[in-house]
């Protein structure tokens, strides 16, 4: 299970890139969104990893 956690931010960033392209924004204009995605995923993945080790 833990080995697939790295896919979550990749998928979310890919969706964000698609959104930016559809609405004709540059990647530079969407950098704040990438920051939010990475911060959110860091918190979520950290929580899940902590719960896995606590409940083992």
PDB file of N, CA and C in Angstrom:
ATOM      1  N   UNK A   1       0.826  -1.198   0.000  1.00  0.00           N
ATOM      2  CA  UNK A   1       0.000   0.000   0.000  1.00  0.00           C
ATOM      3  C   UNK A   1       0.867   1.257   0.000  1.00  0.00           C
ATOM      4  N   UNK A   2       1.867   1.291   0.867  1.00  0.00           N
ATOM      5  CA  UNK A   2       2.704   2.473   1.007  1.00  0.00           C
ATOM      6  C   UNK A   2       3.463   2.801  -0.274  1.00  0.00           C
ATOM      7  N   UNK A   3       3.748   1.796  -1.070  1.00  0.00           N
ATOM      8  CA  UNK A   3       4.534   2.024  -2.280  1.00  0.00           C
ATOM      9  C   UNK A   3       3.757   2.793  -3.347  1.00  0.00           C
ATOM     10  N   UNK A   4       2.450   2.931  -3.212  1.00  0.00           N
ATOM     11  CA  UNK A   4       1.639   3.641  -4.197  1.00  0.00           C
ATOM     12  C   UNK A   4       1.329   5.084  -3.802  1.00  0.00           C
ATOM     13  N   UNK A   5       1.782   5.520  -2.629  1.00  0.00           N
ATOM     14  CA  UNK A   5       1.503   6.881  -2.168  1.00  0.00           C
ATOM     15  C   UNK A   5       2.096   7.936  -3.091  1.00  0.00           C
ATOM     16  N   UNK A   6       3.202   7.635  -3.760  1.00  0.00           N
ATOM     17  CA  UNK A   6       3.831   8.623  -4.625  1.00  0.00           C
ATOM     18  C   UNK A   6       2.977   8.925  -5.858  1.00  0.00           C
ATOM     19  N   UNK A   7       2.015   8.061  -6.174  1.00  0.00           N
ATOM     20  CA  UNK A   7       1.165   8.283  -7.343  1.00  0.00           C
ATOM     21  C   UNK A   7       0.151   9.407  -7.131  1.00  0.00           C
ATOM     22  N   UNK A   8      -0.279   9.606  -5.904  1.00  0.00           N
ATOM     23  CA  UNK A   8      -1.309  10.599  -5.622  1.00  0.00           C
ATOM     24  C   UNK A   8      -0.900  12.012  -6.055  1.00  0.00           C
ATOM     25  N   UNK A   9       0.278  12.515  -5.656  1.00  0.00           N
ATOM     26  CA  UNK A   9       0.632  13.865  -6.118  1.00  0.00           C
ATOM     27  C   UNK A   9       0.896  13.931  -7.624  1.00  0.00           C
ATOM     28  N   UNK A  10       1.401  12.855  -8.207  1.00  0.00           N
ATOM     29  CA  UNK A  10       1.641  12.839  -9.648  1.00  0.00           C
ATOM     30  C   UNK A  10       0.328  12.957 -10.406  1.00  0.00           C
ATOM     31  N   UNK A  11      -0.670  12.215  -9.990  1.00  0.00           N
ATOM     32  CA  UNK A  11      -1.977  12.256 -10.640  1.00  0.00           C
ATOM     33  C   UNK A  11      -2.632  13.619 -10.462  1.00  0.00           C
ATOM     34  N   UNK A  12      -2.563  14.165  -9.253  1.00  0.00           N
ATOM     35  CA  UNK A  12      -3.171  15.469  -9.007  1.00  0.00           C
ATOM     36  C   UNK A  12      -2.470  16.576  -9.790  1.00  0.00           C
ATOM     37  N   UNK A  13      -1.150  16.507  -9.900  1.00  0.00           N
ATOM     38  CA  UNK A  13      -0.419  17.506 -10.688  1.00  0.00           C
ATOM     39  C   UNK A  13      -0.742  17.369 -12.174  1.00  0.00           C
ATOM     40  N   UNK A  14      -0.919  16.139 -12.642  1.00  0.00           N
ATOM     41  CA  UNK A  14      -1.285  15.925 -14.048  1.00  0.00           C
ATOM     42  C   UNK A  14      -2.663  16.528 -14.333  1.00  0.00           C
ATOM     43  N   UNK A  15      -3.593  16.349 -13.419  1.00  0.00           N
ATOM     44  CA  UNK A  15      -4.922  16.935 -13.580  1.00  0.00           C
ATOM     45  C   UNK A  15      -4.833  18.460 -13.570  1.00  0.00           C
ATOM     46  N   UNK A  16      -3.986  19.000 -12.702  1.00  0.00           N
ATOM     47  CA  UNK A  16      -3.806  20.449 -12.633  1.00  0.00           C
ATOM     48  C   UNK A  16      -3.201  20.973 -13.929  1.00  0.00           C
ATOM     49  N   UNK A  17      -2.223  20.294 -14.481  1.00  0.00           N
ATOM     50  CA  UNK A  17      -1.626  20.690 -15.763  1.00  0.00           C
ATOM     51  C   UNK A  17      -2.680  20.663 -16.862  1.00  0.00           C
ATOM     52  N   UNK A  18      -3.507  19.624 -16.873  1.00  0.00           N
ATOM     53  CA  UNK A  18      -4.591  19.536 -17.860  1.00  0.00           C
ATOM     54  C   UNK A  18      -5.537  20.735 -17.719  1.00  0.00           C
ATOM     55  N   UNK A  19      -5.915  21.049 -16.490  1.00  0.00           N
ATOM     56  CA  UNK A  19      -6.804  22.188 -16.234  1.00  0.00           C
ATOM     57  C   UNK A  19      -6.189  23.485 -16.745  1.00  0.00           C
ATOM     58  N   UNK A  20      -4.907  23.694 -16.451  1.00  0.00           N
ATOM     59  CA  UNK A  20      -4.234  24.915 -16.899  1.00  0.00           C
ATOM     60  C   UNK A  20      -4.203  25.001 -18.415  1.00  0.00           C
ATOM     61  N   UNK A  21      -3.940  23.877 -19.078  1.00  0.00           N
ATOM     62  CA  UNK A  21      -3.902  23.873 -20.540  1.00  0.00           C
ATOM     63  C   UNK A  21      -5.275  24.145 -21.152  1.00  0.00           C
ATOM     64  N   UNK A  22      -6.313  23.567 -20.577  1.00  0.00           N
ATOM     65  CA  UNK A  22      -7.666  23.762 -21.097  1.00  0.00           C
ATOM     66  C   UNK A  22      -8.078  25.232 -20.993  1.00  0.00           C
ATOM     67  N   UNK A  23      -7.705  25.868 -19.904  1.00  0.00           N
ATOM     68  CA  UNK A  23      -8.083  27.265 -19.684  1.00  0.00           C
ATOM     69  C   UNK A  23      -7.003  28.243 -20.141  1.00  0.00           C
ATOM     70  N   UNK A  24      -6.029  27.739 -20.870  1.00  0.00           N
ATOM     71  CA  UNK A  24      -4.970  28.538 -21.489  1.00  0.00           C
ATOM     72  C   UNK A  24      -4.171  29.384 -20.495  1.00  0.00           C
ATOM     73  N   UNK A  25      -3.828  28.773 -19.368  1.00  0.00           N
ATOM     74  CA  UNK A  25      -2.925  29.396 -18.408  1.00  0.00           C
ATOM     75  C   UNK A  25      -1.547  28.771 -18.593  1.00  0.00           C
ATOM     76  N   UNK A  26      -0.510  29.510 -18.228  1.00  0.00           N
ATOM     77  CA  UNK A  26       0.832  28.948 -18.289  1.00  0.00           C
ATOM     78  C   UNK A  26       1.123  28.194 -16.989  1.00  0.00           C
ATOM     79  N   UNK A  27       2.157  27.365 -17.029  1.00  0.00           N
ATOM     80  CA  UNK A  27       2.541  26.643 -15.813  1.00  0.00           C
ATOM     81  C   UNK A  27       3.011  27.616 -14.736  1.00  0.00           C
ATOM     82  N   UNK A  28       3.621  28.720 -15.152  1.00  0.00           N
ATOM     83  CA  UNK A  28       4.075  29.727 -14.196  1.00  0.00           C
ATOM     84  C   UNK A  28       2.892  30.343 -13.457  1.00  0.00           C
ATOM     85  N   UNK A  29       1.783  30.545 -14.155  1.00  0.00           N
ATOM     86  CA  UNK A  29       0.591  31.099 -13.505  1.00  0.00           C
ATOM     87  C   UNK A  29      -0.042  30.097 -12.536  1.00  0.00           C
ATOM     88  N   UNK A  30       0.202  28.811 -12.729  1.00  0.00           N
ATOM     89  CA  UNK A  30      -0.397  27.790 -11.882  1.00  0.00           C
ATOM     90  C   UNK A  30       0.511  27.276 -10.784  1.00  0.00           C
ATOM     91  N   UNK A  31       1.630  27.954 -10.535  1.00  0.00           N
ATOM     92  CA  UNK A  31       2.597  27.475  -9.553  1.00  0.00           C
ATOM     93  C   UNK A  31       2.008  27.424  -8.140  1.00  0.00           C
ATOM     94  N   UNK A  32       1.111  28.343  -7.829  1.00  0.00           N
ATOM     95  CA  UNK A  32       0.485  28.348  -6.501  1.00  0.00           C
ATOM     96  C   UNK A  32      -0.358  27.087  -6.315  1.00  0.00           C
ATOM     97  N   UNK A  33      -1.009  26.646  -7.372  1.00  0.00           N
ATOM     98  CA  UNK A  33      -1.794  25.411  -7.312  1.00  0.00           C
ATOM     99  C   UNK A  33      -0.908  24.200  -7.071  1.00  0.00           C
ATOM    100  N   UNK A  34       0.258  24.159  -7.716  1.00  0.00           N
ATOM    101  CA  UNK A  34       1.199  23.059  -7.488  1.00  0.00           C
ATOM    102  C   UNK A  34       1.673  23.043  -6.037  1.00  0.00           C
ATOM    103  N   UNK A  35       1.891  24.230  -5.485  1.00  0.00           N
ATOM    104  CA  UNK A  35       2.315  24.328  -4.086  1.00  0.00           C
ATOM    105  C   UNK A  35       1.237  23.760  -3.165  1.00  0.00           C
ATOM    106  N   UNK A  36      -0.013  24.124  -3.414  1.00  0.00           N
ATOM    107  CA  UNK A  36      -1.111  23.611  -2.602  1.00  0.00           C
ATOM    108  C   UNK A  36      -1.248  22.097  -2.748  1.00  0.00           C
ATOM    109  N   UNK A  37      -1.118  21.591  -3.954  1.00  0.00           N
ATOM    110  CA  UNK A  37      -1.226  20.154  -4.190  1.00  0.00           C
ATOM    111  C   UNK A  37      -0.135  19.412  -3.430  1.00  0.00           C
ATOM    112  N   UNK A  38       1.090  19.878  -3.531  1.00  0.00           N
ATOM    113  CA  UNK A  38       2.196  19.198  -2.853  1.00  0.00           C
ATOM    114  C   UNK A  38       2.071  19.288  -1.331  1.00  0.00           C
ATOM    115  N   UNK A  39       1.641  20.434  -0.812  1.00  0.00           N
ATOM    116  CA  UNK A  39       1.452  20.576   0.632  1.00  0.00           C
ATOM    117  C   UNK A  39       0.338  19.649   1.122  1.00  0.00           C
ATOM    118  N   UNK A  40      -0.770  19.638   0.419  1.00  0.00           N
ATOM    119  CA  UNK A  40      -1.891  18.764   0.783  1.00  0.00           C
ATOM    120  C   UNK A  40      -1.469  17.304   0.786  1.00  0.00           C
ATOM    121  N   UNK A  41      -0.772  16.891  -0.268  1.00  0.00           N
ATOM    122  CA  UNK A  41      -0.358  15.498  -0.369  1.00  0.00           C
ATOM    123  C   UNK A  41       0.671  15.121   0.697  1.00  0.00           C
ATOM    124  N   UNK A  42       1.544  16.046   1.049  1.00  0.00           N
ATOM    125  CA  UNK A  42       2.521  15.784   2.107  1.00  0.00           C
ATOM    126  C   UNK A  42       1.812  15.521   3.429  1.00  0.00           C
ATOM    127  N   UNK A  43       0.814  16.330   3.728  1.00  0.00           N
ATOM    128  CA  UNK A  43       0.061  16.147   4.976  1.00  0.00           C
ATOM    129  C   UNK A  43      -0.702  14.825   4.959  1.00  0.00           C
ATOM    130  N   UNK A  44      -1.406  14.531   3.875  1.00  0.00           N
ATOM    131  CA  UNK A  44      -2.199  13.308   3.781  1.00  0.00           C
ATOM    132  C   UNK A  44      -1.310  12.067   3.836  1.00  0.00           C
ATOM    133  N   UNK A  45      -0.233  12.063   3.073  1.00  0.00           N
ATOM    134  CA  UNK A  45       0.667  10.908   3.066  1.00  0.00           C
ATOM    135  C   UNK A  45       1.324  10.739   4.432  1.00  0.00           C
ATOM    136  N   UNK A  46       1.719  11.842   5.042  1.00  0.00           N
ATOM    137  CA  UNK A  46       2.294  11.764   6.389  1.00  0.00           C
ATOM    138  C   UNK A  46       1.315  11.163   7.382  1.00  0.00           C
ATOM    139  N   UNK A  47       0.065  11.573   7.302  1.00  0.00           N
ATOM    140  CA  UNK A  47      -0.959  11.029   8.189  1.00  0.00           C
ATOM    141  C   UNK A  47      -1.136   9.524   7.979  1.00  0.00           C
ATOM    142  N   UNK A  48      -1.242   9.099   6.716  1.00  0.00           N
ATOM    143  CA  UNK A  48      -1.434   7.673   6.441  1.00  0.00           C
ATOM    144  C   UNK A  48      -0.237   6.840   6.872  1.00  0.00           C
ATOM    145  N   UNK A  49       0.960   7.340   6.641  1.00  0.00           N
ATOM    146  CA  UNK A  49       2.158   6.611   7.065  1.00  0.00           C
ATOM    147  C   UNK A  49       2.190   6.497   8.583  1.00  0.00           C
ATOM    148  N   UNK A  50       1.871   7.583   9.275  1.00  0.00           N
ATOM    149  CA  UNK A  50       1.836   7.551  10.728  1.00  0.00           C
ATOM    150  C   UNK A  50       0.795   6.542  11.231  1.00  0.00           C
ATOM    151  N   UNK A  51      -0.384   6.519  10.614  1.00  0.00           N
ATOM    152  CA  UNK A  51      -1.430   5.590  11.035  1.00  0.00           C
ATOM    153  C   UNK A  51      -1.039   4.135  10.762  1.00  0.00           C
ATOM    154  N   UNK A  52      -0.341   3.892   9.673  1.00  0.00           N
ATOM    155  CA  UNK A  52       0.108   2.529   9.385  1.00  0.00           C
ATOM    156  C   UNK A  52       1.063   2.051  10.473  1.00  0.00           C
ATOM    157  N   UNK A  53       2.007   2.907  10.871  1.00  0.00           N
ATOM    158  CA  UNK A  53       2.967   2.499  11.873  1.00  0.00           C
ATOM    159  C   UNK A  53       2.355   2.418  13.267  1.00  0.00           C
ATOM    160  N   UNK A  54       1.390   3.278  13.564  1.00  0.00           N
ATOM    161  CA  UNK A  54       0.727   3.229  14.866  1.00  0.00           C
ATOM    162  C   UNK A  54      -0.123   1.977  15.017  1.00  0.00           C
ATOM    163  N   UNK A  55      -0.816   1.598  13.954  1.00  0.00           N
ATOM    164  CA  UNK A  55      -1.741   0.471  14.058  1.00  0.00           C
ATOM    165  C   UNK A  55      -1.083  -0.876  13.782  1.00  0.00           C
ATOM    166  N   UNK A  56       0.181  -0.885  13.459  1.00  0.00           N
ATOM    167  CA  UNK A  56       0.847  -2.164  13.196  1.00  0.00           C
ATOM    168  C   UNK A  56       1.049  -2.920  14.426  1.00  0.00           C
TER     169      UNK A  56
END
